[in-house]
Amino acid sequence: MNSEAGSIYCFDSSALIILQRYYSVQIVPDLWALLDKLAKEERLISHELVYHEIVPVEGEKDYLANWCISNRKIFVPQTQRQINMIGDILTNFPKLINPEYEKNQADPWLIAVMVERMEHEGLFGINSRYILVSMENTRSSQKIPAACKHYNINHMTINEFFNHNNIVFKI
């Protein structure tokens, strides 16, 4: 399983949860080894709100929560630039969050961190290829894939991530 050279993947909570649920480390250890490798190479990122959505404050922690704790450095903290972008992102895509929830929700912050990273790299002429990986409906006009398209961010589903990285499951 070789990851696509130069690609930097930003994972949404849904993508990580699907990996844990259907492609657990006991079933597909090579996949989790690839994720560990990408994290070590700083080619796997997410937002700190994703960390907080997955890792419980107290109580028992599953494999994914422990994996997130072990890879804490991949979870990017909020910055002033991200804060400045949130209003525009939510004006264009208000359904990225559910206003009924009391907790902060990661989706608009994932868009903000991707835009921020791409802007930063553009200043230095770096050509990293950022890709947001989620399980959101690609036909929705209000979810992550639509926001990605609006902000010129590459988007993939888990299956596309598998294809992009030549991950093949064999029995």
Foldseek 3Di string as FASTA:
>chain_A
DAAQPQAAEEEALQQLVCCCVPVNCVNPVVVVVVVVVCLVVLRYAYAVVSLPVQADPDDDHDPSNVVCVVSVVRHHYDDPQLVVCLVVLCVQAVVQDDPVDPDDHRFSSRLSVQLVVVVVCVVVVDDRQYEYEHQDDCPDCRYNNVSCVVSVHHYDYNVVSCVNRVNDDDD
